[in-house]
Amino acid sequence: MIGLARKIVAGGVVAAVILPFIPLIMWSFSNRWFYPDLWPRPWGTRAWEYVLGIAGSQITAALGRSLWVAAVTAVMAVVVGTPAGRALGLYDFKGKDLVSVLLTLPVIVPPLCVAMGLHLWFIKLGLAETFGGVVLVHLTFCLPYTVFVMWGVFSNYNLDFEDQARSLGASTLQVMYRVMLPLTFSGIVVAGLFAFLLSWSQYLSTLIIGGGKITTLPILLFALMGSGDRPVAASVSIVFVVPAFLALLLSARHLGRRSITGVR
């Protein structure tokens, strides 16, 4: 009975994930689709021929740039967020509550206000309309999530394992690579995944800081949606969704995993 219930729940989850994509796929293989038709008439591959042919180089360039921006942002978020989460999760210090509030500000404040405020600073620093500027503005939105994830991971982290390793002669680097990283690896993967997906979907901040010179896939997608060509927009939307879905799928085994040996 329990096994059947699990299968029903799993089927419901899969259906909830897949069903929204069915109209998108139908749109991408349509030439025309007008109300009240239940399906496109006629079907066709014009949109995919355009995406893979005439606009292929532009879309490939935007896709590669989005992957590169999201990957760099995710790595930087993990590198900065892991020690910050460790400090917040393991130690009590003055100003800890203030740090928590400051971390939530980029999430609470409307993204437009954050991006516009940073844009003025980035112009003065020469970071506007640059790859580095886009990565930094993405990091502003991704870092709080990474820190909070790692904060939760280190709240359940047992420092006794590190003390035992030091007592056996392990150096600081050995403790980090052979004790801390294996015990927190699942949390690091989840934090990096959050950062990657958030950076991958950034449109407004990329448009403001990139100034149209850093063309990522969301920028291109919004332009195509505004053109009114829904089949082409649907095709690019599928291209946009696939990398994020693959990243989530490859990291799914780490989601919800909890290290038994590292829990207090």
Protein backbone atom coordinates (compact mmCIF):
# COMPACT_ATOMS: atom_id res chain seq x y z
CA MET A 1 0.00 0.00 0.00
CA ILE A 2 2.83 2.38 0.92
CA GLY A 3 4.66 1.47 -2.31
CA LEU A 4 1.54 2.26 -4.34
CA ALA A 5 1.13 5.60 -2.59
CA ARG A 6 4.74 6.48 -3.34
CA LYS A 7 4.26 5.61 -7.01
CA ILE A 8 1.14 7.79 -7.17
CA VAL A 9 2.96 10.70 -5.55
CA ALA A 10 5.97 10.23 -7.83
CA GLY A 11 3.68 10.09 -10.87
CA GLY A 12 1.93 13.26 -9.74
CA VAL A 13 5.25 15.07 -9.35
CA VAL A 14 6.44 13.93 -12.78
CA ALA A 15 3.15 14.99 -14.35
CA ALA A 16 3.32 18.40 -12.63
CA VAL A 17 6.81 18.91 -14.07
CA ILE A 18 6.12 17.63 -17.59
CA LEU A 19 2.60 18.95 -18.30
CA PRO A 20 3.54 22.67 -18.48
CA PHE A 21 6.08 21.85 -21.19
CA ILE A 22 3.59 20.11 -23.50
CA PRO A 23 2.07 23.37 -24.87
CA LEU A 24 5.59 24.75 -25.27
CA ILE A 25 6.66 21.74 -27.33
CA MET A 26 3.46 21.95 -29.41
CA TRP A 27 4.09 25.64 -30.09
CA SER A 28 7.66 24.91 -31.21
CA PHE A 29 6.38 22.47 -33.86
CA SER A 30 3.57 24.66 -35.11
CA ASN A 31 3.30 26.98 -38.06
CA ARG A 32 0.02 28.50 -36.89
CA TRP A 33 -2.09 27.97 -33.81
CA PHE A 34 -5.16 30.10 -33.29
CA TYR A 35 -8.11 29.92 -30.91
CA PRO A 36 -10.30 27.82 -30.71
CA ASP A 37 -8.10 25.07 -32.23
CA LEU A 38 -6.97 22.50 -29.67
CA TRP A 39 -3.73 21.84 -31.55
CA PRO A 40 -1.66 23.61 -34.18
CA ARG A 41 -2.79 23.63 -37.81
CA PRO A 42 -0.59 22.92 -39.61
CA TRP A 43 2.35 21.35 -37.85
CA GLY A 44 5.85 22.27 -39.00
CA THR A 45 9.52 22.59 -38.13
CA ARG A 46 9.99 26.18 -39.28
CA ALA A 47 10.86 27.40 -35.80
CA TRP A 48 13.49 24.72 -35.20
CA GLU A 49 14.94 25.26 -38.68
CA TYR A 50 15.31 28.93 -37.81
CA VAL A 51 16.77 28.27 -34.36
CA LEU A 52 19.21 25.61 -35.59
CA GLY A 53 19.94 27.32 -38.88
CA ILE A 54 19.75 31.07 -39.50
CA ALA A 55 19.83 32.09 -35.83
CA GLY A 56 21.91 29.10 -34.73
CA SER A 57 25.18 30.96 -34.25
CA GLN A 58 23.54 33.77 -32.30
CA ILE A 59 21.65 31.37 -30.03
CA THR A 60 24.73 29.17 -29.54
CA ALA A 61 26.78 32.21 -28.57
CA ALA A 62 24.11 33.37 -26.12
CA LEU A 63 23.79 29.86 -24.69
CA GLY A 64 27.54 29.55 -24.18
CA ARG A 65 27.70 32.98 -22.58
CA SER A 66 24.84 32.13 -20.21
CA LEU A 67 26.51 28.86 -19.21
CA TRP A 68 29.81 30.62 -18.61
CA VAL A 69 28.26 33.43 -16.55
CA ALA A 70 26.17 31.01 -14.46
CA ALA A 71 29.10 28.64 -13.89
CA VAL A 72 31.49 31.40 -12.80
CA THR A 73 28.81 32.91 -10.56
CA ALA A 74 28.08 29.54 -8.96
CA VAL A 75 31.77 28.85 -8.28
CA MET A 76 32.31 32.30 -6.76
CA ALA A 77 29.14 31.97 -4.67
CA VAL A 78 30.32 28.63 -3.26
CA VAL A 79 33.86 29.88 -2.62
CA VAL A 80 32.57 32.91 -0.69
CA GLY A 81 29.44 31.35 0.76
CA THR A 82 31.07 28.24 2.27
CA PRO A 83 33.37 30.00 4.77
CA ALA A 84 30.64 32.57 5.50
CA GLY A 85 28.12 29.80 6.16
CA ARG A 86 30.66 27.99 8.33
CA ALA A 87 31.22 31.08 10.46
CA LEU A 88 27.49 31.72 10.85
CA GLY A 89 26.60 28.09 11.48
CA LEU A 90 29.33 27.20 13.98
CA TYR A 91 30.06 30.36 15.93
CA ASP A 92 28.21 33.06 17.85
CA PHE A 93 29.61 36.55 17.57
CA LYS A 94 28.58 40.17 17.88
CA GLY A 95 26.69 41.44 14.88
CA LYS A 96 25.53 38.00 13.74
CA ASP A 97 21.90 39.15 13.57
CA LEU A 98 22.97 42.24 11.61
CA VAL A 99 24.82 40.04 9.11
CA SER A 100 21.67 37.95 8.68
CA VAL A 101 19.62 41.06 7.92
CA LEU A 102 22.21 42.37 5.45
CA LEU A 103 22.22 39.03 3.65
CA THR A 104 18.46 39.19 3.14
CA LEU A 105 18.48 42.72 1.71
CA PRO A 106 19.25 41.72 -1.91
CA VAL A 107 16.37 39.23 -1.66
CA ILE A 108 13.88 41.62 -0.03
CA VAL A 109 14.69 44.77 -2.02
CA PRO A 110 13.20 44.76 -5.55
CA PRO A 111 15.79 43.54 -8.08
CA LEU A 112 15.33 46.67 -10.20
CA CYS A 113 16.37 48.90 -7.28
CA VAL A 114 19.40 46.72 -6.52
CA ALA A 115 20.53 46.61 -10.15
CA MET A 116 20.03 50.35 -10.70
CA GLY A 117 21.91 51.19 -7.50
CA LEU A 118 24.82 48.92 -8.42
CA HIS A 119 24.82 50.26 -11.97
CA LEU A 120 25.92 53.69 -10.75
CA TRP A 121 28.82 52.17 -8.81
CA PHE A 122 29.78 49.88 -11.67
CA ILE A 123 29.94 52.84 -14.09
CA LYS A 124 32.39 54.58 -11.75
CA LEU A 125 34.43 51.39 -11.35
CA GLY A 126 34.44 50.61 -15.06
CA LEU A 127 32.49 47.39 -14.58
CA ALA A 128 29.38 48.37 -16.53
CA GLU A 129 28.87 46.53 -19.82
CA THR A 130 31.51 43.94 -18.90
CA PHE A 131 31.46 40.22 -18.22
CA GLY A 132 32.86 40.78 -14.72
CA GLY A 133 30.16 43.32 -13.92
CA VAL A 134 27.39 40.90 -14.95
CA VAL A 135 28.92 38.13 -12.81
CA LEU A 136 29.17 40.45 -9.81
CA VAL A 137 25.57 41.63 -10.06
CA HIS A 138 24.43 38.00 -10.37
CA LEU A 139 26.54 37.19 -7.32
CA THR A 140 24.66 39.86 -5.39
CA PHE A 141 21.44 37.88 -5.80
CA CYS A 142 22.94 34.37 -5.59
CA LEU A 143 25.27 34.76 -2.60
CA PRO A 144 22.56 35.14 0.08
CA TYR A 145 20.98 31.82 -0.92
CA THR A 146 24.37 30.10 -0.94
CA VAL A 147 25.27 31.46 2.48
CA PHE A 148 21.94 30.43 3.99
CA VAL A 149 22.23 26.92 2.55
CA MET A 150 25.75 26.50 3.94
CA TRP A 151 24.64 28.06 7.23
CA GLY A 152 22.11 25.27 7.58
CA VAL A 153 24.70 22.65 6.61
CA PHE A 154 27.22 23.82 9.21
CA SER A 155 24.53 24.15 11.88
CA ASN A 156 24.47 20.32 11.86
CA TYR A 157 28.23 19.92 11.43
CA ASN A 158 30.28 18.12 14.07
CA LEU A 159 33.62 19.80 14.77
CA ASP A 160 34.81 16.77 16.73
CA PHE A 161 35.83 15.08 13.48
CA GLU A 162 38.18 17.94 12.67
CA ASP A 163 39.65 17.86 16.20
CA GLN A 164 40.26 14.13 15.87
CA ALA A 165 41.99 14.64 12.52
CA ARG A 166 44.26 17.33 14.00
CA SER A 167 45.11 15.09 16.93
CA LEU A 168 46.30 12.50 14.40
CA GLY A 169 48.62 15.05 12.79
CA ALA A 170 46.47 16.35 9.92
CA SER A 171 47.32 19.82 8.67
CA THR A 172 44.72 22.55 8.13
CA LEU A 173 44.52 21.80 4.41
CA GLN A 174 44.19 18.06 5.05
CA VAL A 175 41.38 18.71 7.53
CA MET A 176 39.60 20.85 4.95
CA TYR A 177 39.96 18.47 2.01
CA ARG A 178 39.65 15.14 3.82
CA VAL A 179 37.16 15.95 6.57
CA MET A 180 35.14 19.11 5.97
CA LEU A 181 34.61 18.86 2.20
CA PRO A 182 33.48 15.19 2.16
CA LEU A 183 31.04 15.81 5.01
CA THR A 184 29.57 18.96 3.47
CA PHE A 185 29.85 18.03 -0.22
CA SER A 186 26.12 17.43 -0.70
CA GLY A 187 25.32 20.83 0.79
CA ILE A 188 27.94 22.50 -1.41
CA VAL A 189 26.39 20.89 -4.50
CA VAL A 190 22.93 22.14 -3.52
CA ALA A 191 24.26 25.65 -2.80
CA GLY A 192 26.07 25.71 -6.14
CA LEU A 193 22.95 24.47 -7.91
CA PHE A 194 20.86 27.26 -6.39
CA ALA A 195 23.44 29.84 -7.48
CA PHE A 196 23.66 28.38 -10.99
CA LEU A 197 19.89 28.35 -11.52
CA LEU A 198 19.43 31.86 -10.13
CA SER A 199 22.20 33.25 -12.31
CA TRP A 200 20.94 31.29 -15.32
CA SER A 201 17.52 32.95 -15.13
CA GLN A 202 18.67 36.54 -14.51
CA TYR A 203 17.27 38.94 -17.09
CA LEU A 204 16.77 42.40 -15.62
CA SER A 205 20.14 42.68 -13.86
CA THR A 206 21.95 41.38 -16.96
CA LEU A 207 20.15 43.89 -19.16
CA ILE A 208 20.95 46.84 -16.87
CA ILE A 209 24.57 46.02 -16.05
CA GLY A 210 25.40 44.38 -19.39
CA GLY A 211 23.87 47.28 -21.29
CA GLY A 212 22.95 45.01 -24.19
CA LYS A 213 26.60 44.14 -24.89
CA ILE A 214 26.54 40.97 -22.77
CA THR A 215 23.82 39.02 -24.55
CA THR A 216 22.76 35.98 -22.57
CA LEU A 217 20.01 33.55 -23.52
CA PRO A 218 17.33 35.23 -21.33
CA ILE A 219 18.04 38.55 -23.09
CA LEU A 220 17.63 36.88 -26.47
CA LEU A 221 14.53 35.00 -25.33
CA PHE A 222 12.74 38.14 -24.14
CA ALA A 223 13.54 39.86 -27.44
CA LEU A 224 12.05 36.94 -29.38
CA MET A 225 8.95 36.90 -27.18
CA GLY A 226 8.43 40.58 -27.94
CA SER A 227 8.67 39.90 -31.67
CA GLY A 228 5.38 37.98 -31.61
CA ASP A 229 6.81 34.87 -33.26
CA ARG A 230 5.59 32.35 -30.70
CA PRO A 231 6.90 29.16 -32.36
CA VAL A 232 10.46 30.54 -32.43
CA ALA A 233 10.12 31.85 -28.87
CA ALA A 234 8.88 28.43 -27.75
CA SER A 235 11.84 26.71 -29.41
CA VAL A 236 14.34 29.04 -27.72
CA SER A 237 12.47 28.54 -24.42
CA ILE A 238 13.08 24.80 -24.68
CA VAL A 239 16.77 25.44 -25.41
CA PHE A 240 16.79 27.72 -22.36
CA VAL A 241 15.16 25.15 -20.06
CA VAL A 242 17.20 22.07 -21.04
CA PRO A 243 20.60 23.02 -19.48
CA ALA A 244 18.97 24.04 -16.20
CA PHE A 245 16.92 20.85 -16.16
CA LEU A 246 20.04 18.73 -16.81
CA ALA A 247 21.91 20.49 -14.01
CA LEU A 248 19.02 19.79 -11.65
CA LEU A 249 18.79 16.19 -12.81
CA LEU A 250 22.52 15.52 -12.37
CA SER A 251 22.45 17.03 -8.89
CA ALA A 252 19.17 15.42 -7.79
CA ARG A 253 20.90 12.66 -5.83
CA HIS A 254 22.49 15.30 -3.60
CA LEU A 255 19.22 17.11 -2.88
CA GLY A 256 17.97 16.30 0.59
CA ARG A 257 20.97 14.10 1.37
CA ARG A 258 22.29 14.45 4.88
CA SER A 259 25.69 13.21 5.99
CA ILE A 260 25.18 10.75 8.83
CA THR A 261 28.74 11.00 10.12
CA GLY A 262 28.69 14.78 10.16
CA VAL A 263 25.50 15.29 12.15
CA ARG A 264 25.76 16.11 15.80
